[in-house]
């Protein structure tokens, strides 16, 4: 606004950008930043309109904010937001836990994105659950820590092994990898596994060896040194011959039909009578039979599988 005053007699006419706003004997100036003062020495009234005061926000940035700014229920739209806050202070404070679509970050929890495992044609789900007071392994594809949070990192869809588990950290002091304390039902397991191909039909709980010639898993039996002295595993994914399977290399497995009466806390051996079966009785009396501990009984129907690296071959 550029007010002009034109005198007609004793009463001035006020113009705003050459447009008359009225003829009055009194002119009243109002509004923040407007000041009118009497100047008798110069026989005039001085009207001062500030060009920008403390606390004003100007688009060109020449007048900065001097206090926190709250725009209420409105949103601010811009091409780019940049924070220059020093290290140690969070650049963004968020009250809502609602997911932010299309948010692309270089780190997650301070770990670079490249450190996280990915699988082709698979979806990686990372879910955090607060409030845990103990460590649990909730079955295939889940890992829990002793801390009050559980990180579940499960690979699904399109992978040969639909329940691969990745531990994306170095094990620290007093932060153990815990096996499930009590397997909840028949067909459950907890431990370290690997995928492979079966050389023959395998049922859940069968003990098998990795055949050197075919690199496939076949039933192990103590009556044959070839099938009982090398790498062993317990089948935890039943398979027909020449099919994909999963073998437990170390851990706990419950197979009610395969382990009906294991002695608790006692050594468990490969059976010489039936291929793929274990027993609490030491093999004896037959030449070339193999005596090898494959683990220990946890309950009557669950085995702590830990094949011994040594074995005895009877003569």
Protein backbone atom coordinates (compact mmCIF):
# COMPACT_ATOMS: atom_id res chain seq x y z
CA UNK A 1 0.00 0.00 0.00
CA UNK A 2 1.28 3.51 -0.91
CA UNK A 3 -1.14 6.02 0.65
CA UNK A 4 -1.21 9.54 -0.73
CA UNK A 5 -2.75 12.62 0.90
CA UNK A 6 -4.33 15.36 -1.21
CA UNK A 7 -5.55 18.46 0.60
CA UNK A 8 -8.82 20.05 -0.46
CA UNK A 9 -9.26 23.01 1.77
CA UNK A 10 -8.59 21.80 5.28
CA UNK A 11 -9.70 18.14 4.86
CA UNK A 12 -7.27 15.80 3.04
CA UNK A 13 -8.33 13.07 0.63
CA UNK A 14 -6.56 9.68 1.12
CA UNK A 15 -5.55 7.71 -1.97
CA UNK A 16 -4.39 4.10 -2.08
CA UNK A 17 -2.48 3.46 -5.32
CA UNK A 18 -4.32 6.44 -6.90
CA UNK A 19 -7.69 5.16 -5.71
CA UNK A 20 -9.57 7.32 -3.20
CA UNK A 21 -10.46 5.67 0.06
CA UNK A 22 -12.24 8.72 1.53
CA UNK A 23 -11.97 12.29 2.73
CA UNK A 24 -11.62 12.68 6.47
CA UNK A 25 -10.23 15.13 8.94
CA UNK A 26 -8.56 12.28 10.90
CA UNK A 27 -6.22 9.60 9.56
CA UNK A 28 -5.70 6.48 11.73
CA UNK A 29 -2.78 4.07 11.07
CA UNK A 30 -3.11 0.55 12.50
CA UNK A 31 -1.25 -2.77 12.30
CA UNK A 32 1.97 -4.34 13.57
CA UNK A 33 5.10 -2.62 12.32
CA UNK A 34 3.30 0.71 11.62
CA UNK A 35 4.28 3.70 13.75
CA UNK A 36 3.02 7.33 13.44
CA UNK A 37 4.81 10.13 15.33
CA UNK A 38 4.28 13.91 15.50
CA UNK A 39 7.14 16.01 14.10
CA UNK A 40 6.34 19.65 15.09
CA UNK A 41 9.74 20.97 14.07
CA UNK A 42 9.04 19.98 10.49
CA UNK A 43 5.31 20.61 10.72
CA UNK A 44 4.42 17.03 9.77
CA UNK A 45 3.39 13.55 10.95
CA UNK A 46 5.94 10.79 10.34
CA UNK A 47 4.54 7.35 9.48
CA UNK A 48 7.03 4.47 9.59
CA UNK A 49 6.18 1.04 8.09
CA UNK A 50 8.78 -1.59 9.03
CA UNK A 51 10.28 -3.65 6.20
CA UNK A 52 10.40 -6.85 8.30
CA UNK A 53 10.69 -7.23 12.04
CA UNK A 54 11.93 -9.79 14.54
CA UNK A 55 10.06 -13.08 14.16
CA UNK A 56 8.91 -12.37 10.60
CA UNK A 57 9.59 -15.09 8.00
CA UNK A 58 10.64 -13.96 4.54
CA UNK A 59 10.75 -16.15 1.45
CA UNK A 60 14.26 -15.01 0.52
CA UNK A 61 15.64 -16.12 3.90
CA UNK A 62 16.97 -12.68 4.85
CA UNK A 63 14.91 -12.72 8.07
CA UNK A 64 15.52 -15.97 10.00
CA UNK A 65 13.32 -17.59 12.64
CA UNK A 66 14.21 -16.73 16.23
CA UNK A 67 12.04 -19.39 17.92
CA UNK A 68 10.43 -22.77 17.23
CA UNK A 69 7.79 -22.62 14.51
CA UNK A 70 4.57 -24.66 14.74
CA UNK A 71 2.37 -24.63 11.65
CA UNK A 72 -0.35 -26.60 13.41
CA UNK A 73 -2.42 -29.01 11.32
CA UNK A 74 -0.93 -27.81 8.03
CA UNK A 75 1.80 -29.42 5.95
CA UNK A 76 4.91 -27.93 4.38
CA UNK A 77 5.72 -28.99 0.80
CA UNK A 78 9.17 -28.54 -0.68
CA UNK A 79 11.52 -30.11 -3.21
CA UNK A 80 14.09 -31.03 -0.58
CA UNK A 81 14.51 -30.93 3.19
CA UNK A 82 18.04 -30.60 4.57
CA UNK A 83 19.16 -30.76 8.19
CA UNK A 84 22.40 -29.16 9.39
CA UNK A 85 22.11 -30.29 13.01
CA UNK A 86 25.34 -31.59 14.57
CA UNK A 87 26.13 -35.30 14.98
CA UNK A 88 24.50 -36.73 18.10
CA UNK A 89 21.13 -35.03 17.65
CA UNK A 90 18.35 -36.72 15.69
CA UNK A 91 17.61 -34.63 12.57
CA UNK A 92 13.97 -35.75 12.54
CA UNK A 93 11.60 -36.36 15.47
CA UNK A 94 8.60 -38.52 14.59
CA UNK A 95 5.63 -39.17 16.90
CA UNK A 96 3.69 -41.52 14.58
CA UNK A 97 4.66 -45.18 14.07
CA UNK A 98 2.81 -45.34 10.74
CA UNK A 99 4.92 -46.67 7.87
CA UNK A 100 6.43 -44.08 5.53
CA UNK A 101 5.93 -45.13 1.91
CA UNK A 102 8.88 -44.89 -0.51
CA UNK A 103 11.36 -44.03 2.27
CA UNK A 104 14.80 -45.08 1.05
CA UNK A 105 17.64 -45.03 3.60
CA UNK A 106 21.30 -46.01 3.48
CA UNK A 107 21.40 -47.52 6.98
CA UNK A 108 19.06 -49.48 9.26
CA UNK A 109 19.86 -49.34 12.96
CA UNK A 110 23.28 -47.93 12.11
CA UNK A 111 24.11 -50.87 9.81
CA UNK A 112 24.77 -50.21 6.13
CA UNK A 113 22.17 -51.58 3.73
CA UNK A 114 24.81 -53.69 1.98
CA UNK A 115 25.27 -55.75 5.16
CA UNK A 116 21.78 -57.23 4.93
CA UNK A 117 21.34 -60.46 3.04
CA UNK A 118 18.99 -60.65 0.08
CA UNK A 119 17.64 -63.55 -1.97
CA UNK A 120 16.53 -63.35 -5.60
CA UNK A 121 12.78 -63.52 -6.14
CA UNK A 122 12.19 -63.33 -2.41
CA UNK A 123 10.70 -60.86 0.02
CA UNK A 124 12.69 -60.02 3.15
CA UNK A 125 10.52 -59.25 6.14
CA UNK A 126 12.12 -57.48 9.10
CA UNK A 127 9.80 -57.15 12.08
CA UNK A 128 10.63 -55.88 15.55
CA UNK A 129 8.65 -57.04 18.58
CA UNK A 130 9.21 -55.27 21.89
CA UNK A 131 8.59 -56.68 25.34
CA UNK A 132 10.27 -60.07 25.06
CA UNK A 133 11.75 -61.21 28.37
CA UNK A 134 13.39 -64.45 27.23
CA UNK A 135 15.01 -65.91 24.18
CA UNK A 136 12.99 -68.16 21.89
CA UNK A 137 13.27 -69.69 18.48
CA UNK A 138 9.70 -69.79 17.29
CA UNK A 139 10.20 -72.33 14.53
CA UNK A 140 11.52 -72.21 10.99
CA UNK A 141 12.46 -68.73 9.91
CA UNK A 142 12.48 -66.99 13.29
CA UNK A 143 15.34 -65.87 15.54
CA UNK A 144 15.03 -64.25 18.97
CA UNK A 145 17.60 -62.49 21.15
CA UNK A 146 17.76 -62.30 24.92
CA UNK A 147 17.21 -58.54 24.72
CA UNK A 148 13.72 -57.10 25.05
CA UNK A 149 13.20 -57.20 21.30
CA UNK A 150 13.01 -59.96 18.71
CA UNK A 151 14.28 -59.49 15.16
CA UNK A 152 12.55 -61.82 12.74
CA UNK A 153 14.33 -61.95 9.40
CA UNK A 154 12.64 -64.50 7.18
CA UNK A 155 13.09 -65.21 3.52
CA UNK A 156 9.97 -66.22 1.63
CA UNK A 157 8.67 -66.73 -1.90
CA UNK A 158 10.72 -68.04 -4.73
CA UNK A 159 13.66 -69.52 -2.82
CA UNK A 160 14.43 -73.22 -2.78
CA UNK A 161 14.52 -73.04 0.99
CA UNK A 162 11.40 -71.05 1.97
CA UNK A 163 12.57 -70.51 5.53
CA UNK A 164 16.19 -69.35 5.38
CA UNK A 165 17.38 -67.46 8.44
CA UNK A 166 20.12 -64.81 8.44
CA UNK A 167 21.91 -63.56 11.57
CA UNK A 168 23.09 -60.11 10.57
CA UNK A 169 25.42 -59.36 13.45
CA UNK A 170 28.52 -60.50 15.24
CA UNK A 171 27.71 -62.43 18.41
CA UNK A 172 28.58 -60.25 21.37
CA UNK A 173 29.40 -61.09 24.97
CA UNK A 174 26.47 -62.49 26.97
CA UNK A 175 24.31 -62.59 23.82
CA UNK A 176 24.06 -66.32 23.01
CA UNK A 177 22.35 -68.15 20.21
CA UNK A 178 19.78 -70.17 22.15
CA UNK A 179 18.06 -73.36 21.04
CA UNK A 180 14.38 -73.71 21.82
CA UNK A 181 14.11 -75.05 25.36
CA UNK A 182 11.18 -77.41 24.79
CA UNK A 183 10.10 -78.39 21.29
CA UNK A 184 6.34 -77.90 21.30
CA UNK A 185 5.20 -80.81 19.14
CA UNK A 186 6.15 -83.68 16.87
CA UNK A 187 7.90 -82.43 13.73
CA UNK A 188 9.58 -79.42 15.38
CA UNK A 189 13.27 -78.63 15.37
CA UNK A 190 15.72 -75.88 16.36
CA UNK A 191 19.29 -75.48 15.19
CA UNK A 192 21.66 -75.11 12.24
CA UNK A 193 20.50 -76.54 8.92
CA UNK A 194 21.47 -76.73 5.27
CA UNK A 195 19.56 -77.53 2.11
CA UNK A 196 20.40 -80.30 -0.32
CA UNK A 197 19.09 -83.13 -2.46
CA UNK A 198 17.98 -86.53 -1.28
CA UNK A 199 19.51 -89.67 -2.78
CA UNK A 200 16.62 -91.76 -1.53
CA UNK A 201 13.25 -91.11 0.11
CA UNK A 202 13.73 -89.41 3.47
CA UNK A 203 11.20 -89.01 6.29
CA UNK A 204 11.27 -86.38 9.03
CA UNK A 205 13.71 -87.57 11.71
CA UNK A 206 15.74 -89.90 9.48
CA UNK A 207 19.50 -89.76 10.04
CA UNK A 208 21.35 -89.53 6.74
CA UNK A 209 24.92 -89.19 5.46
CA UNK A 210 26.20 -87.06 2.59
CA UNK A 211 27.34 -89.48 -0.13
CA UNK A 212 30.67 -88.44 -1.64
CA UNK A 213 29.95 -89.71 -5.15
CA UNK A 214 26.55 -88.08 -5.62
CA UNK A 215 26.69 -85.31 -2.96
CA UNK A 216 23.16 -86.39 -2.00
CA UNK A 217 21.74 -87.41 1.35
CA UNK A 218 21.16 -91.13 1.91
CA UNK A 219 20.08 -93.12 4.96
CA UNK A 220 22.86 -93.87 7.44
CA UNK A 221 23.25 -97.22 9.19
CA UNK A 222 25.90 -98.44 11.66
CA UNK A 223 26.36 -101.72 9.80
CA UNK A 224 28.21 -99.83 7.06
CA UNK A 225 31.26 -97.67 7.74
CA UNK A 226 30.72 -95.85 4.45
CA UNK A 227 27.32 -94.57 5.56
CA UNK A 228 28.11 -93.78 9.19
CA UNK A 229 31.60 -92.28 9.60
CA UNK A 230 31.28 -89.08 7.54
CA UNK A 231 29.03 -86.03 7.51
CA UNK A 232 25.64 -86.72 9.13
CA UNK A 233 22.36 -84.84 9.34
CA UNK A 234 18.77 -85.32 10.46
CA UNK A 235 16.06 -84.82 7.84
CA UNK A 236 13.69 -82.00 8.82
CA UNK A 237 12.03 -81.67 5.41
CA UNK A 238 10.69 -84.99 4.10
CA UNK A 239 11.54 -85.71 0.49
CA UNK A 240 11.16 -88.32 -2.21
CA UNK A 241 14.26 -89.56 -4.01
CA UNK A 242 16.22 -86.85 -5.88
CA UNK A 243 14.16 -84.06 -4.29
CA UNK A 244 14.95 -80.95 -2.30
CA UNK A 245 15.38 -81.52 1.42
CA UNK A 246 16.64 -79.74 4.54
CA UNK A 247 19.07 -81.39 6.95
CA UNK A 248 19.67 -80.45 10.58
CA UNK A 249 23.44 -80.47 11.13
CA UNK A 250 23.39 -79.45 14.79
CA UNK A 251 20.54 -78.77 17.18
CA UNK A 252 17.38 -80.28 18.59
CA UNK A 253 14.69 -82.26 16.81
CA UNK A 254 11.49 -83.98 17.92
CA UNK A 255 10.26 -86.98 15.95
CA UNK A 256 7.81 -89.05 17.98
CA UNK A 257 7.73 -92.00 15.58
CA UNK A 258 11.52 -92.09 15.08
CA UNK A 259 12.51 -91.44 18.72
CA UNK A 260 9.91 -93.25 20.85
CA UNK A 261 12.03 -93.97 23.94
CA UNK A 262 15.35 -92.12 24.04
CA UNK A 263 17.21 -92.25 27.37
CA UNK A 264 17.31 -88.68 28.68
CA UNK A 265 20.81 -87.23 29.00
CA UNK A 266 22.44 -90.40 27.68
CA UNK A 267 24.46 -90.92 24.47
CA UNK A 268 22.48 -91.85 21.38
CA UNK A 269 24.01 -94.01 18.62
CA UNK A 270 23.33 -94.91 15.01
CA UNK A 271 21.34 -98.13 14.77
CA UNK A 272 22.83 -101.11 12.94
CA UNK A 273 19.45 -102.74 12.50
CA UNK A 274 17.43 -100.17 10.52
CA UNK A 275 18.85 -97.47 8.24
CA UNK A 276 18.16 -93.89 9.36
CA UNK A 277 17.26 -94.86 12.92
CA UNK A 278 19.02 -94.06 16.22
CA UNK A 279 19.22 -96.06 19.42
CA UNK A 280 20.28 -95.72 23.03
CA UNK A 281 22.06 -99.07 22.87
CA UNK A 282 25.73 -99.35 21.92
CA UNK A 283 26.36 -101.45 18.79
CA UNK A 284 28.50 -104.49 19.56
CA UNK A 285 29.76 -107.86 18.37
CA UNK A 286 29.83 -107.56 14.58
CA UNK A 287 32.90 -106.92 12.41
CA UNK A 288 32.98 -103.64 10.51
CA UNK A 289 30.04 -102.22 12.44
CA UNK A 290 30.50 -98.61 13.54
CA UNK A 291 29.94 -97.24 17.02
CA UNK A 292 29.32 -93.49 16.77
CA UNK A 293 27.55 -91.12 19.14
CA UNK A 294 25.18 -88.85 17.20
CA UNK A 295 23.78 -86.90 20.15
CA UNK A 296 22.00 -87.14 23.47
CA UNK A 297 18.43 -87.68 24.57
CA UNK A 298 16.59 -84.53 25.64
CA UNK A 299 13.24 -86.25 26.20
CA UNK A 300 11.94 -89.64 25.19
CA UNK A 301 11.05 -88.31 21.75
CA UNK A 302 13.47 -85.42 21.19
CA UNK A 303 17.16 -85.62 20.30
CA UNK A 304 20.00 -83.18 20.82
CA UNK A 305 21.80 -83.92 17.54
CA UNK A 306 25.55 -83.42 17.79
CA UNK A 307 27.42 -86.08 15.81
CA UNK A 308 30.77 -86.95 17.36
CA UNK A 309 33.79 -86.47 15.11
CA UNK A 310 35.23 -89.78 16.29
CA UNK A 311 33.90 -93.29 15.87
CA UNK A 312 34.87 -96.91 16.56
CA UNK A 313 34.88 -99.57 13.84
CA UNK A 314 34.49 -103.09 15.25
CA UNK A 315 36.90 -105.83 14.18
